[in-house]
């Protein structure tokens, strides 16, 4: 089994994919792209991001727990097999 989830973004949205599930949620209008995963901690992601209005990348924080709870998903079951997160853009 693959234990890697994928983080990406498009337009005003962030996507987090694992297995056959793809979570899509609203993000900042000025986000250009995610550039580096600093930390994955069972639903909490520290990630570097590039924004249109800033020359430098900045550290951002994504908490997937509220997203999963809002979708009435079993967060422990969904998150437990994920061992790492990678950034991918097509």
PDB file of N, CA and C in Angstrom:
ATOM      1  N   UNK A   1       0.838  -1.192   0.000  1.00  0.00           N
ATOM      2  CA  UNK A   1       0.000   0.000   0.000  1.00  0.00           C
ATOM      3  C   UNK A   1       0.879   1.249   0.000  1.00  0.00           C
ATOM      4  N   UNK A   2       0.484   2.225  -0.810  1.00  0.00           N
ATOM      5  CA  UNK A   2       1.189   3.498  -0.856  1.00  0.00           C
ATOM      6  C   UNK A   2       0.811   4.313   0.379  1.00  0.00           C
ATOM      7  N   UNK A   3       1.787   4.839   1.081  1.00  0.00           N
ATOM      8  CA  UNK A   3       1.559   5.604   2.314  1.00  0.00           C
ATOM      9  C   UNK A   3       1.822   7.093   2.130  1.00  0.00           C
ATOM     10  N   UNK A   4       1.795   7.561   0.866  1.00  0.00           N
ATOM     11  CA  UNK A   4       2.099   8.950   0.554  1.00  0.00           C
ATOM     12  C   UNK A   4       0.853   9.685   0.085  1.00  0.00           C
ATOM     13  N   UNK A   5       0.584  10.829   0.690  1.00  0.00           N
ATOM     14  CA  UNK A   5      -0.511  11.697   0.265  1.00  0.00           C
ATOM     15  C   UNK A   5       0.060  12.815  -0.599  1.00  0.00           C
ATOM     16  N   UNK A   6      -0.801  13.437  -1.381  1.00  0.00           N
ATOM     17  CA  UNK A   6      -0.380  14.485  -2.307  1.00  0.00           C
ATOM     18  C   UNK A   6      -1.084  15.795  -1.965  1.00  0.00           C
ATOM     19  N   UNK A   7      -0.292  16.854  -1.836  1.00  0.00           N
ATOM     20  CA  UNK A   7      -0.810  18.194  -1.610  1.00  0.00           C
ATOM     21  C   UNK A   7      -0.583  19.009  -2.871  1.00  0.00           C
ATOM     22  N   UNK A   8      -1.590  19.786  -3.264  1.00  0.00           N
ATOM     23  CA  UNK A   8      -1.475  20.628  -4.439  1.00  0.00           C
ATOM     24  C   UNK A   8      -2.438  21.802  -4.300  1.00  0.00           C
ATOM     25  N   UNK A   9      -2.453  22.663  -5.308  1.00  0.00           N
ATOM     26  CA  UNK A   9      -3.389  23.777  -5.317  1.00  0.00           C
ATOM     27  C   UNK A   9      -3.698  24.159  -6.753  1.00  0.00           C
ATOM     28  N   UNK A  10      -4.842  24.792  -6.935  1.00  0.00           N
ATOM     29  CA  UNK A  10      -5.228  25.346  -8.221  1.00  0.00           C
ATOM     30  C   UNK A  10      -6.214  26.479  -7.956  1.00  0.00           C
ATOM     31  N   UNK A  11      -6.122  27.529  -8.749  1.00  0.00           N
ATOM     32  CA  UNK A  11      -6.982  28.699  -8.570  1.00  0.00           C
ATOM     33  C   UNK A  11      -7.013  29.114  -7.100  1.00  0.00           C
ATOM     34  N   UNK A  12      -8.178  29.051  -6.476  1.00  0.00           N
ATOM     35  CA  UNK A  12      -8.341  29.458  -5.077  1.00  0.00           C
ATOM     36  C   UNK A  12      -8.495  28.257  -4.147  1.00  0.00           C
ATOM     37  N   UNK A  13      -8.018  27.092  -4.585  1.00  0.00           N
ATOM     38  CA  UNK A  13      -8.267  25.864  -3.832  1.00  0.00           C
ATOM     39  C   UNK A  13      -6.998  25.072  -3.549  1.00  0.00           C
ATOM     40  N   UNK A  14      -7.031  24.361  -2.433  1.00  0.00           N
ATOM     41  CA  UNK A  14      -6.001  23.399  -2.066  1.00  0.00           C
ATOM     42  C   UNK A  14      -6.616  22.018  -2.195  1.00  0.00           C
ATOM     43  N   UNK A  15      -5.810  21.059  -2.662  1.00  0.00           N
ATOM     44  CA  UNK A  15      -6.264  19.674  -2.699  1.00  0.00           C
ATOM     45  C   UNK A  15      -5.310  18.813  -1.884  1.00  0.00           C
ATOM     46  N   UNK A  16      -5.884  17.835  -1.211  1.00  0.00           N
ATOM     47  CA  UNK A  16      -5.123  16.857  -0.449  1.00  0.00           C
ATOM     48  C   UNK A  16      -5.684  15.506  -0.848  1.00  0.00           C
ATOM     49  N   UNK A  17      -4.851  14.682  -1.471  1.00  0.00           N
ATOM     50  CA  UNK A  17      -5.310  13.392  -1.997  1.00  0.00           C
ATOM     51  C   UNK A  17      -4.583  12.245  -1.329  1.00  0.00           C
ATOM     52  N   UNK A  18      -5.363  11.218  -1.025  1.00  0.00           N
ATOM     53  CA  UNK A  18      -4.786   9.976  -0.507  1.00  0.00           C
ATOM     54  C   UNK A  18      -5.728   8.834  -0.874  1.00  0.00           C
ATOM     55  N   UNK A  19      -5.135   7.790  -1.468  1.00  0.00           N
ATOM     56  CA  UNK A  19      -5.960   6.659  -1.915  1.00  0.00           C
ATOM     57  C   UNK A  19      -6.992   7.150  -2.921  1.00  0.00           C
ATOM     58  N   UNK A  20      -8.233   6.775  -2.707  1.00  0.00           N
ATOM     59  CA  UNK A  20      -9.294   7.190  -3.624  1.00  0.00           C
ATOM     60  C   UNK A  20     -10.026   8.445  -3.153  1.00  0.00           C
ATOM     61  N   UNK A  21      -9.506   9.116  -2.145  1.00  0.00           N
ATOM     62  CA  UNK A  21     -10.134  10.322  -1.597  1.00  0.00           C
ATOM     63  C   UNK A  21      -9.359  11.570  -2.004  1.00  0.00           C
ATOM     64  N   UNK A  22     -10.105  12.608  -2.364  1.00  0.00           N
ATOM     65  CA  UNK A  22      -9.492  13.891  -2.706  1.00  0.00           C
ATOM     66  C   UNK A  22     -10.281  14.984  -1.997  1.00  0.00           C
ATOM     67  N   UNK A  23      -9.629  15.644  -1.048  1.00  0.00           N
ATOM     68  CA  UNK A  23     -10.233  16.746  -0.321  1.00  0.00           C
ATOM     69  C   UNK A  23      -9.888  18.038  -1.042  1.00  0.00           C
ATOM     70  N   UNK A  24     -10.871  18.878  -1.274  1.00  0.00           N
ATOM     71  CA  UNK A  24     -10.655  20.166  -1.913  1.00  0.00           C
ATOM     72  C   UNK A  24     -11.268  21.228  -1.019  1.00  0.00           C
ATOM     73  N   UNK A  25     -10.476  22.243  -0.679  1.00  0.00           N
ATOM     74  CA  UNK A  25     -10.987  23.301   0.179  1.00  0.00           C
ATOM     75  C   UNK A  25     -10.408  24.640  -0.237  1.00  0.00           C
ATOM     76  N   UNK A  26     -11.123  25.698   0.099  1.00  0.00           N
ATOM     77  CA  UNK A  26     -10.784  27.066  -0.291  1.00  0.00           C
ATOM     78  C   UNK A  26      -9.500  27.516   0.399  1.00  0.00           C
ATOM     79  N   UNK A  27      -8.708  28.276  -0.344  1.00  0.00           N
ATOM     80  CA  UNK A  27      -7.485  28.859   0.196  1.00  0.00           C
ATOM     81  C   UNK A  27      -7.398  30.319  -0.242  1.00  0.00           C
ATOM     82  N   UNK A  28      -6.311  30.935   0.030  1.00  0.00           N
ATOM     83  CA  UNK A  28      -6.104  32.355  -0.285  1.00  0.00           C
ATOM     84  C   UNK A  28      -6.063  32.589  -1.799  1.00  0.00           C
ATOM     85  N   UNK A  29      -6.643  33.701  -2.234  1.00  0.00           N
ATOM     86  CA  UNK A  29      -6.642  34.056  -3.657  1.00  0.00           C
ATOM     87  C   UNK A  29      -5.236  34.262  -4.218  1.00  0.00           C
ATOM     88  N   UNK A  30      -4.297  34.675  -3.376  1.00  0.00           N
ATOM     89  CA  UNK A  30      -2.954  35.015  -3.832  1.00  0.00           C
ATOM     90  C   UNK A  30      -1.953  33.866  -3.787  1.00  0.00           C
ATOM     91  N   UNK A  31      -2.380  32.677  -3.394  1.00  0.00           N
ATOM     92  CA  UNK A  31      -1.462  31.533  -3.360  1.00  0.00           C
ATOM     93  C   UNK A  31      -1.063  31.157  -4.776  1.00  0.00           C
ATOM     94  N   UNK A  32       0.231  31.108  -5.027  1.00  0.00           N
ATOM     95  CA  UNK A  32       0.733  30.640  -6.323  1.00  0.00           C
ATOM     96  C   UNK A  32       0.929  29.134  -6.299  1.00  0.00           C
ATOM     97  N   UNK A  33       1.625  28.679  -5.233  1.00  0.00           N
ATOM     98  CA  UNK A  33       1.897  27.237  -5.146  1.00  0.00           C
ATOM     99  C   UNK A  33       2.539  26.902  -3.815  1.00  0.00           C
ATOM    100  N   UNK A  34       2.402  25.639  -3.439  1.00  0.00           N
ATOM    101  CA  UNK A  34       3.145  25.112  -2.298  1.00  0.00           C
ATOM    102  C   UNK A  34       4.495  24.668  -2.823  1.00  0.00           C
ATOM    103  N   UNK A  35       5.547  24.838  -2.018  1.00  0.00           N
ATOM    104  CA  UNK A  35       6.893  24.541  -2.515  1.00  0.00           C
ATOM    105  C   UNK A  35       7.628  23.462  -1.732  1.00  0.00           C
ATOM    106  N   UNK A  36       7.306  23.299  -0.444  1.00  0.00           N
ATOM    107  CA  UNK A  36       8.047  22.327   0.361  1.00  0.00           C
ATOM    108  C   UNK A  36       7.231  21.933   1.593  1.00  0.00           C
ATOM    109  N   UNK A  37       7.228  20.647   1.897  1.00  0.00           N
ATOM    110  CA  UNK A  37       6.608  20.158   3.123  1.00  0.00           C
ATOM    111  C   UNK A  37       7.669  20.189   4.217  1.00  0.00           C
ATOM    112  N   UNK A  38       7.412  20.913   5.288  1.00  0.00           N
ATOM    113  CA  UNK A  38       8.337  20.948   6.419  1.00  0.00           C
ATOM    114  C   UNK A  38       8.014  19.869   7.441  1.00  0.00           C
ATOM    115  N   UNK A  39       6.720  19.607   7.639  1.00  0.00           N
ATOM    116  CA  UNK A  39       6.306  18.665   8.675  1.00  0.00           C
ATOM    117  C   UNK A  39       4.951  18.076   8.353  1.00  0.00           C
ATOM    118  N   UNK A  40       4.825  16.777   8.540  1.00  0.00           N
ATOM    119  CA  UNK A  40       3.531  16.090   8.493  1.00  0.00           C
ATOM    120  C   UNK A  40       3.338  15.465   9.863  1.00  0.00           C
ATOM    121  N   UNK A  41       2.242  15.807  10.524  1.00  0.00           N
ATOM    122  CA  UNK A  41       1.975  15.271  11.853  1.00  0.00           C
ATOM    123  C   UNK A  41       0.502  14.871  11.973  1.00  0.00           C
ATOM    124  N   UNK A  42       0.173  13.754  11.364  1.00  0.00           N
ATOM    125  CA  UNK A  42      -1.159  13.128  11.489  1.00  0.00           C
ATOM    126  C   UNK A  42      -2.307  14.114  11.314  1.00  0.00           C
ATOM    127  N   UNK A  43      -2.294  14.846  10.222  1.00  0.00           N
ATOM    128  CA  UNK A  43      -3.377  15.766   9.923  1.00  0.00           C
ATOM    129  C   UNK A  43      -2.967  17.218   9.962  1.00  0.00           C
ATOM    130  N   UNK A  44      -1.793  17.482  10.470  1.00  0.00           N
ATOM    131  CA  UNK A  44      -1.284  18.844  10.560  1.00  0.00           C
ATOM    132  C   UNK A  44      -0.078  18.955   9.632  1.00  0.00           C
ATOM    133  N   UNK A  45      -0.095  19.965   8.762  1.00  0.00           N
ATOM    134  CA  UNK A  45       0.980  20.137   7.788  1.00  0.00           C
ATOM    135  C   UNK A  45       1.599  21.518   7.952  1.00  0.00           C
ATOM    136  N   UNK A  46       2.919  21.547   8.070  1.00  0.00           N
ATOM    137  CA  UNK A  46       3.665  22.799   7.953  1.00  0.00           C
ATOM    138  C   UNK A  46       4.270  22.778   6.561  1.00  0.00           C
ATOM    139  N   UNK A  47       3.991  23.815   5.797  1.00  0.00           N
ATOM    140  CA  UNK A  47       4.381  23.827   4.392  1.00  0.00           C
ATOM    141  C   UNK A  47       4.876  25.221   4.001  1.00  0.00           C
ATOM    142  N   UNK A  48       5.825  25.270   3.100  1.00  0.00           N
ATOM    143  CA  UNK A  48       6.275  26.541   2.542  1.00  0.00           C
ATOM    144  C   UNK A  48       5.394  26.849   1.334  1.00  0.00           C
ATOM    145  N   UNK A  49       5.039  28.129   1.194  1.00  0.00           N
ATOM    146  CA  UNK A  49       4.147  28.534   0.118  1.00  0.00           C
ATOM    147  C   UNK A  49       4.643  29.828  -0.516  1.00  0.00           C
ATOM    148  N   UNK A  50       4.385  29.953  -1.796  1.00  0.00           N
ATOM    149  CA  UNK A  50       4.726  31.161  -2.552  1.00  0.00           C
ATOM    150  C   UNK A  50       3.429  31.888  -2.870  1.00  0.00           C
ATOM    151  N   UNK A  51       3.391  33.183  -2.510  1.00  0.00           N
ATOM    152  CA  UNK A  51       2.228  34.022  -2.764  1.00  0.00           C
ATOM    153  C   UNK A  51       2.573  35.104  -3.786  1.00  0.00           C
ATOM    154  N   UNK A  52       1.593  35.534  -4.543  1.00  0.00           N
ATOM    155  CA  UNK A  52       1.798  36.542  -5.589  1.00  0.00           C
ATOM    156  C   UNK A  52       2.320  37.862  -5.037  1.00  0.00           C
ATOM    157  N   UNK A  53       1.876  38.256  -3.886  1.00  0.00           N
ATOM    158  CA  UNK A  53       2.217  39.564  -3.321  1.00  0.00           C
ATOM    159  C   UNK A  53       3.525  39.578  -2.520  1.00  0.00           C
ATOM    160  N   UNK A  54       4.221  38.468  -2.469  1.00  0.00           N
ATOM    161  CA  UNK A  54       5.421  38.377  -1.643  1.00  0.00           C
ATOM    162  C   UNK A  54       6.539  37.699  -2.436  1.00  0.00           C
ATOM    163  N   UNK A  55       7.723  38.293  -2.457  1.00  0.00           N
ATOM    164  CA  UNK A  55       8.848  37.685  -3.178  1.00  0.00           C
ATOM    165  C   UNK A  55       9.349  36.426  -2.478  1.00  0.00           C
ATOM    166  N   UNK A  56       9.305  36.432  -1.169  1.00  0.00           N
ATOM    167  CA  UNK A  56       9.814  35.313  -0.379  1.00  0.00           C
ATOM    168  C   UNK A  56       8.720  34.287  -0.097  1.00  0.00           C
ATOM    169  N   UNK A  57       9.124  33.031   0.020  1.00  0.00           N
ATOM    170  CA  UNK A  57       8.189  31.994   0.462  1.00  0.00           C
ATOM    171  C   UNK A  57       7.910  32.195   1.946  1.00  0.00           C
ATOM    172  N   UNK A  58       6.737  31.795   2.382  1.00  0.00           N
ATOM    173  CA  UNK A  58       6.420  31.876   3.806  1.00  0.00           C
ATOM    174  C   UNK A  58       5.905  30.529   4.294  1.00  0.00           C
ATOM    175  N   UNK A  59       6.057  30.305   5.585  1.00  0.00           N
ATOM    176  CA  UNK A  59       5.584  29.064   6.180  1.00  0.00           C
ATOM    177  C   UNK A  59       4.083  29.186   6.452  1.00  0.00           C
ATOM    178  N   UNK A  60       3.351  28.161   6.053  1.00  0.00           N
ATOM    179  CA  UNK A  60       1.911  28.095   6.264  1.00  0.00           C
ATOM    180  C   UNK A  60       1.589  26.836   7.056  1.00  0.00           C
ATOM    181  N   UNK A  61       0.390  26.814   7.602  1.00  0.00           N
ATOM    182  CA  UNK A  61      -0.055  25.686   8.419  1.00  0.00           C
ATOM    183  C   UNK A  61      -1.421  25.246   7.935  1.00  0.00           C
ATOM    184  N   UNK A  62      -1.562  23.962   7.680  1.00  0.00           N
ATOM    185  CA  UNK A  62      -2.828  23.396   7.234  1.00  0.00           C
ATOM    186  C   UNK A  62      -3.241  22.342   8.252  1.00  0.00           C
ATOM    187  N   UNK A  63      -4.423  22.501   8.808  1.00  0.00           N
ATOM    188  CA  UNK A  63      -4.970  21.533   9.759  1.00  0.00           C
ATOM    189  C   UNK A  63      -6.126  20.808   9.079  1.00  0.00           C
ATOM    190  N   UNK A  64      -5.924  19.546   8.746  1.00  0.00           N
ATOM    191  CA  UNK A  64      -6.942  18.777   8.048  1.00  0.00           C
ATOM    192  C   UNK A  64      -8.062  18.266   8.957  1.00  0.00           C
ATOM    193  N   UNK A  65      -7.853  18.253  10.252  1.00  0.00           N
ATOM    194  CA  UNK A  65      -8.846  17.709  11.187  1.00  0.00           C
ATOM    195  C   UNK A  65     -10.210  18.396  11.024  1.00  0.00           C
ATOM    196  N   UNK A  66     -10.287  19.734  11.042  1.00  0.00           N
ATOM    197  CA  UNK A  66     -11.598  20.371  10.865  1.00  0.00           C
ATOM    198  C   UNK A  66     -12.235  20.063   9.510  1.00  0.00           C
ATOM    199  N   UNK A  67     -11.415  19.925   8.468  1.00  0.00           N
ATOM    200  CA  UNK A  67     -11.939  19.593   7.147  1.00  0.00           C
ATOM    201  C   UNK A  67     -12.572  18.203   7.179  1.00  0.00           C
ATOM    202  N   UNK A  68     -11.854  17.240   7.742  1.00  0.00           N
ATOM    203  CA  UNK A  68     -12.373  15.868   7.822  1.00  0.00           C
ATOM    204  C   UNK A  68     -13.624  15.794   8.690  1.00  0.00           C
ATOM    205  N   UNK A  69     -13.622  16.509   9.803  1.00  0.00           N
ATOM    206  CA  UNK A  69     -14.794  16.522  10.681  1.00  0.00           C
ATOM    207  C   UNK A  69     -15.994  17.147   9.973  1.00  0.00           C
ATOM    208  N   UNK A  70     -15.756  18.203   9.201  1.00  0.00           N
ATOM    209  CA  UNK A  70     -16.830  18.849   8.455  1.00  0.00           C
ATOM    210  C   UNK A  70     -17.445  17.955   7.398  1.00  0.00           C
ATOM    211  N   UNK A  71     -16.653  16.995   6.919  1.00  0.00           N
ATOM    212  CA  UNK A  71     -17.135  16.035   5.927  1.00  0.00           C
ATOM    213  C   UNK A  71     -17.642  14.740   6.573  1.00  0.00           C
ATOM    214  N   UNK A  72     -17.673  14.709   7.893  1.00  0.00           N
ATOM    215  CA  UNK A  72     -18.103  13.536   8.659  1.00  0.00           C
ATOM    216  C   UNK A  72     -17.299  12.288   8.299  1.00  0.00           C
ATOM    217  N   UNK A  73     -15.999  12.498   8.060  1.00  0.00           N
ATOM    218  CA  UNK A  73     -15.107  11.380   7.755  1.00  0.00           C
ATOM    219  C   UNK A  73     -14.451  10.897   9.038  1.00  0.00           C
ATOM    220  N   UNK A  74     -14.145   9.608   9.080  1.00  0.00           N
ATOM    221  CA  UNK A  74     -13.422   9.026  10.214  1.00  0.00           C
ATOM    222  C   UNK A  74     -11.965   9.463  10.096  1.00  0.00           C
ATOM    223  N   UNK A  75     -11.594  10.504  10.841  1.00  0.00           N
ATOM    224  CA  UNK A  75     -10.257  11.098  10.693  1.00  0.00           C
ATOM    225  C   UNK A  75      -9.142  10.135  11.042  1.00  0.00           C
ATOM    226  N   UNK A  76      -9.333   9.321  12.085  1.00  0.00           N
ATOM    227  CA  UNK A  76      -8.291   8.367  12.465  1.00  0.00           C
ATOM    228  C   UNK A  76      -8.071   7.331  11.362  1.00  0.00           C
ATOM    229  N   UNK A  77      -9.137   6.833  10.805  1.00  0.00           N
ATOM    230  CA  UNK A  77      -9.040   5.822   9.743  1.00  0.00           C
ATOM    231  C   UNK A  77      -8.392   6.409   8.488  1.00  0.00           C
ATOM    232  N   UNK A  78      -8.765   7.638   8.145  1.00  0.00           N
ATOM    233  CA  UNK A  78      -8.221   8.270   6.950  1.00  0.00           C
ATOM    234  C   UNK A  78      -6.746   8.630   7.124  1.00  0.00           C
ATOM    235  N   UNK A  79      -6.376   9.189   8.267  1.00  0.00           N
ATOM    236  CA  UNK A  79      -5.021   9.709   8.469  1.00  0.00           C
ATOM    237  C   UNK A  79      -3.988   8.658   8.877  1.00  0.00           C
ATOM    238  N   UNK A  80      -4.412   7.607   9.563  1.00  0.00           N
ATOM    239  CA  UNK A  80      -3.470   6.623  10.122  1.00  0.00           C
ATOM    240  C   UNK A  80      -2.478   6.043   9.112  1.00  0.00           C
ATOM    241  N   UNK A  81      -2.896   5.664   7.912  1.00  0.00           N
ATOM    242  CA  UNK A  81      -1.919   5.061   6.988  1.00  0.00           C
ATOM    243  C   UNK A  81      -0.980   6.048   6.300  1.00  0.00           C
ATOM    244  N   UNK A  82      -1.214   7.345   6.439  1.00  0.00           N
ATOM    245  CA  UNK A  82      -0.385   8.332   5.750  1.00  0.00           C
ATOM    246  C   UNK A  82       0.917   8.538   6.526  1.00  0.00           C
ATOM    247  N   UNK A  83       2.020   8.247   5.871  1.00  0.00           N
ATOM    248  CA  UNK A  83       3.345   8.390   6.495  1.00  0.00           C
ATOM    249  C   UNK A  83       4.100   9.615   6.005  1.00  0.00           C
ATOM    250  N   UNK A  84       3.761  10.109   4.808  1.00  0.00           N
ATOM    251  CA  UNK A  84       4.411  11.301   4.284  1.00  0.00           C
ATOM    252  C   UNK A  84       3.473  12.019   3.328  1.00  0.00           C
ATOM    253  N   UNK A  85       3.789  13.281   3.074  1.00  0.00           N
ATOM    254  CA  UNK A  85       3.033  14.101   2.138  1.00  0.00           C
ATOM    255  C   UNK A  85       4.018  14.702   1.145  1.00  0.00           C
ATOM    256  N   UNK A  86       3.665  14.633  -0.124  1.00  0.00           N
ATOM    257  CA  UNK A  86       4.479  15.230  -1.192  1.00  0.00           C
ATOM    258  C   UNK A  86       3.652  16.290  -1.910  1.00  0.00           C
ATOM    259  N   UNK A  87       4.343  17.236  -2.500  1.00  0.00           N
ATOM    260  CA  UNK A  87       3.704  18.256  -3.312  1.00  0.00           C
ATOM    261  C   UNK A  87       3.843  17.833  -4.762  1.00  0.00           C
ATOM    262  N   UNK A  88       2.723  17.885  -5.494  1.00  0.00           N
ATOM    263  CA  UNK A  88       2.761  17.566  -6.933  1.00  0.00           C
ATOM    264  C   UNK A  88       1.896  18.547  -7.684  1.00  0.00           C
ATOM    265  N   UNK A  89       2.435  19.018  -8.801  1.00  0.00           N
ATOM    266  CA  UNK A  89       1.696  19.857  -9.731  1.00  0.00           C
ATOM    267  C   UNK A  89       1.815  19.239 -11.096  1.00  0.00           C
ATOM    268  N   UNK A  90       0.726  19.298 -11.865  1.00  0.00           N
ATOM    269  CA  UNK A  90       0.715  18.732 -13.210  1.00  0.00           C
ATOM    270  C   UNK A  90       1.300  19.717 -14.187  1.00  0.00           C
TER     271      UNK A  90
END
